[in-house]
């Protein structure tokens, strides 16, 4: 048997106390800097930029915004620009130039309620096709945005007339291996997972993992769908084999409980 010292360990390299509620944290691509997004006690949004220096996090900049910031992504930007896209508690989608973050370079009222999750593809040299952003909201809708197109989403996935609207907690792009193929996976508070095909604009597959879906992610966005990981309340994660879809049973999967509490993104 291997001893505890021989097992893989996670060691804290640097840590920083914060005076606000943190909702998301992202590395700035190809840099030693990271961004923290969250909510101040007075109900405003906080964006902090840190740099890793000699094993410590040095605060470079702090910006306050009118609405608390819930999520962010660099997935739809170029490596040269490195613009940050954020979703906030007011349902707003904004894109920020971190060199001049006072006014967004793109802004749209994307949803009626809070944007819980955001993802991007087509930027940073990852994924074929146009750069796009997907947002999931408490209003039950999942929307895909082209930053080059103002105000109107290029795709809007919402419940049919008469269906109940579930809180969308997480979204992710995948299958972007050529100019035409692209999918969006969305997870909901009731345990539903839905896979939307953006090429055919249809619901390709859906399942339920019983507990609220905290996070979904493909192993890679820029290849044929291979593996999809979904984490949930009650400390479970589920891995789906996306290579072969059975006409009635869907995709094969395995699940494991690793914590006694929820697994967040």
Protein backbone atom coordinates (compact mmCIF):
# COMPACT_ATOMS: atom_id res chain seq x y z
CA UNK A 1 0.00 0.00 0.00
CA UNK A 2 1.17 3.51 -0.76
CA UNK A 3 1.71 5.87 2.12
CA UNK A 4 -0.04 9.22 2.40
CA UNK A 5 3.16 11.03 1.36
CA UNK A 6 3.29 9.07 -1.92
CA UNK A 7 -0.22 9.99 -3.01
CA UNK A 8 -0.93 13.01 -5.23
CA UNK A 9 -1.37 16.14 -3.13
CA UNK A 10 -2.73 19.62 -3.77
CA UNK A 11 -0.50 22.25 -2.17
CA UNK A 12 -1.56 25.88 -1.77
CA UNK A 13 0.91 28.05 -3.68
CA UNK A 14 -0.60 31.41 -2.72
CA UNK A 15 -3.70 32.57 -0.89
CA UNK A 16 -5.48 35.88 -0.47
CA UNK A 17 -8.19 36.99 1.95
CA UNK A 18 -11.07 38.87 0.32
CA UNK A 19 -13.56 41.34 1.78
CA UNK A 20 -16.38 40.41 -0.61
CA UNK A 21 -18.25 37.34 -1.87
CA UNK A 22 -16.24 35.66 -4.64
CA UNK A 23 -18.23 34.03 -7.47
CA UNK A 24 -15.63 33.40 -10.18
CA UNK A 25 -11.88 33.46 -10.72
CA UNK A 26 -10.06 33.28 -14.08
CA UNK A 27 -6.45 33.24 -15.20
CA UNK A 28 -5.69 35.96 -17.74
CA UNK A 29 -4.46 33.95 -20.78
CA UNK A 30 -0.69 33.65 -21.16
CA UNK A 31 0.12 35.71 -18.09
CA UNK A 32 0.80 35.40 -14.37
CA UNK A 33 -2.32 37.44 -13.64
CA UNK A 34 -5.77 36.38 -12.48
CA UNK A 35 -9.18 38.02 -12.14
CA UNK A 36 -11.60 37.73 -9.24
CA UNK A 37 -15.29 38.56 -9.73
CA UNK A 38 -17.89 38.96 -7.04
CA UNK A 39 -20.30 41.00 -4.95
CA UNK A 40 -19.57 43.64 -2.33
CA UNK A 41 -21.61 43.87 0.88
CA UNK A 42 -23.41 46.97 -0.42
CA UNK A 43 -24.69 45.09 -3.48
CA UNK A 44 -22.24 46.31 -6.12
CA UNK A 45 -19.94 44.28 -8.33
CA UNK A 46 -16.21 43.89 -7.72
CA UNK A 47 -13.54 43.02 -10.29
CA UNK A 48 -10.00 42.60 -8.97
CA UNK A 49 -6.86 41.96 -11.02
CA UNK A 50 -4.00 40.19 -9.25
CA UNK A 51 -0.49 39.24 -10.34
CA UNK A 52 1.56 36.37 -8.97
CA UNK A 53 4.84 37.78 -7.65
CA UNK A 54 7.38 35.72 -5.73
CA UNK A 55 4.72 33.35 -4.45
CA UNK A 56 2.31 36.12 -3.44
CA UNK A 57 -0.73 37.71 -5.04
CA UNK A 58 -0.26 41.43 -5.64
CA UNK A 59 -3.38 43.52 -6.29
CA UNK A 60 -2.93 45.51 -9.50
CA UNK A 61 -6.39 46.98 -9.90
CA UNK A 62 -9.86 47.01 -8.38
CA UNK A 63 -12.95 48.15 -10.26
CA UNK A 64 -16.47 48.52 -8.87
CA UNK A 65 -19.55 47.97 -11.04
CA UNK A 66 -23.25 48.75 -10.44
CA UNK A 67 -24.36 45.09 -10.38
CA UNK A 68 -22.69 42.09 -8.68
CA UNK A 69 -20.63 40.04 -11.16
CA UNK A 70 -21.53 36.34 -11.24
CA UNK A 71 -19.36 34.76 -13.96
CA UNK A 72 -16.72 35.48 -16.59
CA UNK A 73 -14.87 33.96 -19.56
CA UNK A 74 -12.03 34.72 -21.96
CA UNK A 75 -13.23 31.98 -24.33
CA UNK A 76 -14.41 34.24 -27.17
CA UNK A 77 -11.52 36.72 -27.28
CA UNK A 78 -8.25 36.74 -29.18
CA UNK A 79 -4.91 36.26 -27.45
CA UNK A 80 -3.96 39.77 -28.53
CA UNK A 81 -7.02 41.51 -27.01
CA UNK A 82 -7.78 39.23 -24.05
CA UNK A 83 -11.19 40.83 -23.47
CA UNK A 84 -13.23 39.51 -20.53
CA UNK A 85 -16.94 38.70 -20.96
CA UNK A 86 -19.03 38.80 -17.77
CA UNK A 87 -22.59 38.06 -16.68
CA UNK A 88 -24.11 39.92 -13.74
CA UNK A 89 -27.05 39.82 -11.33
CA UNK A 90 -29.04 42.20 -13.55
CA UNK A 91 -28.96 39.84 -16.54
CA UNK A 92 -26.40 41.97 -18.40
CA UNK A 93 -23.71 40.56 -20.68
CA UNK A 94 -20.68 42.87 -20.86
CA UNK A 95 -17.29 42.58 -22.55
CA UNK A 96 -14.42 44.49 -20.96
CA UNK A 97 -11.05 45.71 -22.16
CA UNK A 98 -8.94 45.19 -19.05
CA UNK A 99 -6.63 48.03 -20.10
CA UNK A 100 -9.59 50.45 -19.98
CA UNK A 101 -12.33 48.73 -17.93
CA UNK A 102 -14.41 51.80 -17.07
CA UNK A 103 -16.82 51.31 -20.02
CA UNK A 104 -17.58 47.93 -21.65
CA UNK A 105 -16.67 47.48 -25.32
CA UNK A 106 -19.89 45.45 -25.72
CA UNK A 107 -23.00 45.51 -23.57
CA UNK A 108 -26.45 43.94 -23.89
CA UNK A 109 -29.36 43.22 -21.56
CA UNK A 110 -29.17 39.50 -22.21
CA UNK A 111 -31.65 38.05 -19.69
CA UNK A 112 -34.53 39.07 -17.47
CA UNK A 113 -32.79 37.68 -14.38
CA UNK A 114 -29.30 36.84 -13.11
CA UNK A 115 -26.81 35.24 -15.52
CA UNK A 116 -25.58 32.19 -13.59
CA UNK A 117 -23.04 30.86 -16.07
CA UNK A 118 -21.08 31.91 -19.14
CA UNK A 119 -18.72 30.22 -21.61
CA UNK A 120 -16.94 31.16 -24.83
CA UNK A 121 -15.53 29.43 -27.89
CA UNK A 122 -13.73 30.44 -31.08
CA UNK A 123 -11.23 32.60 -29.21
CA UNK A 124 -7.74 31.99 -27.79
CA UNK A 125 -7.10 29.69 -30.76
CA UNK A 126 -9.52 27.09 -29.34
CA UNK A 127 -12.36 25.81 -31.52
CA UNK A 128 -13.20 26.37 -35.17
CA UNK A 129 -15.75 28.92 -36.36
CA UNK A 130 -16.83 32.37 -35.24
CA UNK A 131 -16.21 33.54 -31.66
CA UNK A 132 -19.38 33.07 -29.62
CA UNK A 133 -20.53 33.41 -26.02
CA UNK A 134 -23.22 31.33 -24.32
CA UNK A 135 -25.12 32.44 -21.21
CA UNK A 136 -27.48 30.57 -18.89
CA UNK A 137 -29.90 32.35 -16.58
CA UNK A 138 -32.41 31.96 -13.79
CA UNK A 139 -35.08 32.99 -16.31
CA UNK A 140 -34.79 29.50 -17.81
CA UNK A 141 -33.20 30.51 -21.12
CA UNK A 142 -29.86 29.66 -22.71
CA UNK A 143 -28.64 32.20 -25.28
CA UNK A 144 -25.74 32.24 -27.73
CA UNK A 145 -24.19 35.60 -28.64
CA UNK A 146 -21.90 36.76 -31.43
CA UNK A 147 -19.93 39.78 -30.09
CA UNK A 148 -19.95 41.23 -33.62
CA UNK A 149 -23.77 41.34 -33.60
CA UNK A 150 -25.41 43.91 -31.34
CA UNK A 151 -28.39 43.31 -29.04
CA UNK A 152 -29.81 40.09 -30.55
CA UNK A 153 -28.65 36.53 -29.71
CA UNK A 154 -27.85 34.20 -32.60
CA UNK A 155 -29.64 31.37 -30.76
CA UNK A 156 -32.19 31.30 -27.95
CA UNK A 157 -33.08 28.03 -26.23
CA UNK A 158 -36.10 28.41 -23.95
CA UNK A 159 -38.93 26.20 -22.66
CA UNK A 160 -41.89 25.69 -24.97
CA UNK A 161 -45.19 27.42 -24.30
CA UNK A 162 -46.75 26.03 -21.13
CA UNK A 163 -43.58 24.32 -19.85
CA UNK A 164 -42.11 25.32 -16.50
CA UNK A 165 -38.93 27.39 -16.58
CA UNK A 166 -36.04 25.85 -14.65
CA UNK A 167 -33.08 27.78 -13.27
CA UNK A 168 -30.09 27.20 -15.60
CA UNK A 169 -26.99 26.88 -13.42
CA UNK A 170 -24.26 26.03 -15.92
CA UNK A 171 -23.44 26.08 -19.66
CA UNK A 172 -20.54 24.86 -21.81
CA UNK A 173 -19.53 24.77 -25.49
CA UNK A 174 -18.21 21.64 -27.20
CA UNK A 175 -17.79 19.73 -30.48
CA UNK A 176 -16.33 22.82 -32.24
CA UNK A 177 -13.97 20.79 -34.43
CA UNK A 178 -14.87 22.46 -37.75
CA UNK A 179 -16.60 25.56 -39.11
CA UNK A 180 -20.09 24.04 -38.92
CA UNK A 181 -20.31 21.77 -35.87
CA UNK A 182 -20.93 23.19 -32.40
CA UNK A 183 -23.00 22.17 -29.38
CA UNK A 184 -24.03 23.75 -26.10
CA UNK A 185 -24.59 21.71 -22.94
CA UNK A 186 -26.74 23.18 -20.16
CA UNK A 187 -27.40 21.99 -16.61
CA UNK A 188 -30.40 22.96 -14.48
CA UNK A 189 -31.41 23.16 -10.83
CA UNK A 190 -33.70 20.12 -11.07
CA UNK A 191 -30.92 17.82 -12.35
CA UNK A 192 -31.72 18.07 -16.06
CA UNK A 193 -28.87 18.11 -18.58
CA UNK A 194 -29.68 19.22 -22.13
CA UNK A 195 -27.44 19.07 -25.21
CA UNK A 196 -28.33 21.59 -27.93
CA UNK A 197 -27.01 21.16 -31.49
CA UNK A 198 -26.34 24.65 -32.91
CA UNK A 199 -25.94 23.33 -36.46
CA UNK A 200 -29.45 21.88 -36.63
CA UNK A 201 -30.88 24.18 -33.92
CA UNK A 202 -32.40 21.21 -32.11
CA UNK A 203 -32.31 19.40 -28.78
CA UNK A 204 -29.92 16.53 -29.44
CA UNK A 205 -30.12 14.75 -26.08
CA UNK A 206 -31.34 15.19 -22.53
CA UNK A 207 -31.10 13.30 -19.26
CA UNK A 208 -31.49 13.83 -15.53
CA UNK A 209 -28.97 13.19 -12.75
CA UNK A 210 -31.60 13.82 -10.03
CA UNK A 211 -29.65 16.53 -8.14
CA UNK A 212 -29.03 20.13 -9.24
CA UNK A 213 -26.27 20.40 -11.87
CA UNK A 214 -23.52 22.72 -10.59
CA UNK A 215 -21.14 22.45 -13.56
CA UNK A 216 -20.76 20.82 -16.98
CA UNK A 217 -17.58 20.71 -19.06
CA UNK A 218 -16.25 18.87 -22.12
CA UNK A 219 -12.73 17.48 -21.93
CA UNK A 220 -11.91 19.64 -24.99
CA UNK A 221 -14.02 22.10 -26.97
CA UNK A 222 -12.13 21.81 -30.27
CA UNK A 223 -12.46 18.06 -30.98
CA UNK A 224 -15.29 15.63 -31.66
CA UNK A 225 -17.25 15.18 -28.46
CA UNK A 226 -15.40 12.71 -26.28
CA UNK A 227 -16.13 13.07 -22.56
CA UNK A 228 -18.58 15.29 -20.68
CA UNK A 229 -18.27 15.81 -16.93
CA UNK A 230 -21.20 17.03 -14.85
CA UNK A 231 -20.97 17.81 -11.13
CA UNK A 232 -23.94 18.10 -8.85
CA UNK A 233 -25.29 18.70 -5.39
CA UNK A 234 -24.63 15.95 -2.84
CA UNK A 235 -20.97 15.78 -3.94
CA UNK A 236 -21.41 13.64 -7.06
CA UNK A 237 -19.77 13.84 -10.46
CA UNK A 238 -20.92 12.07 -13.63
CA UNK A 239 -18.78 11.28 -16.69
CA UNK A 240 -20.57 10.66 -20.01
CA UNK A 241 -18.97 8.95 -23.01
CA UNK A 242 -20.10 11.23 -25.85
CA UNK A 243 -18.56 9.22 -28.69
CA UNK A 244 -21.53 6.90 -29.23
CA UNK A 245 -25.18 7.84 -28.74
CA UNK A 246 -27.70 5.03 -28.32
CA UNK A 247 -31.07 5.86 -29.95
CA UNK A 248 -33.02 5.25 -26.74
CA UNK A 249 -30.49 5.01 -23.89
CA UNK A 250 -28.41 8.05 -24.86
CA UNK A 251 -24.78 8.13 -23.73
CA UNK A 252 -23.08 5.66 -21.39
CA UNK A 253 -21.96 7.14 -18.08
CA UNK A 254 -20.39 6.47 -14.70
CA UNK A 255 -20.88 8.40 -11.46
CA UNK A 256 -19.02 8.69 -8.19
CA UNK A 257 -19.53 10.48 -4.89
CA UNK A 258 -16.36 12.22 -3.78
CA UNK A 259 -17.55 14.84 -1.29
CA UNK A 260 -20.33 15.13 1.26
CA UNK A 261 -21.30 18.55 -0.11
CA UNK A 262 -21.90 20.16 -3.51
CA UNK A 263 -19.17 20.26 -6.18
CA UNK A 264 -19.04 23.77 -7.61
CA UNK A 265 -17.48 24.87 -10.87
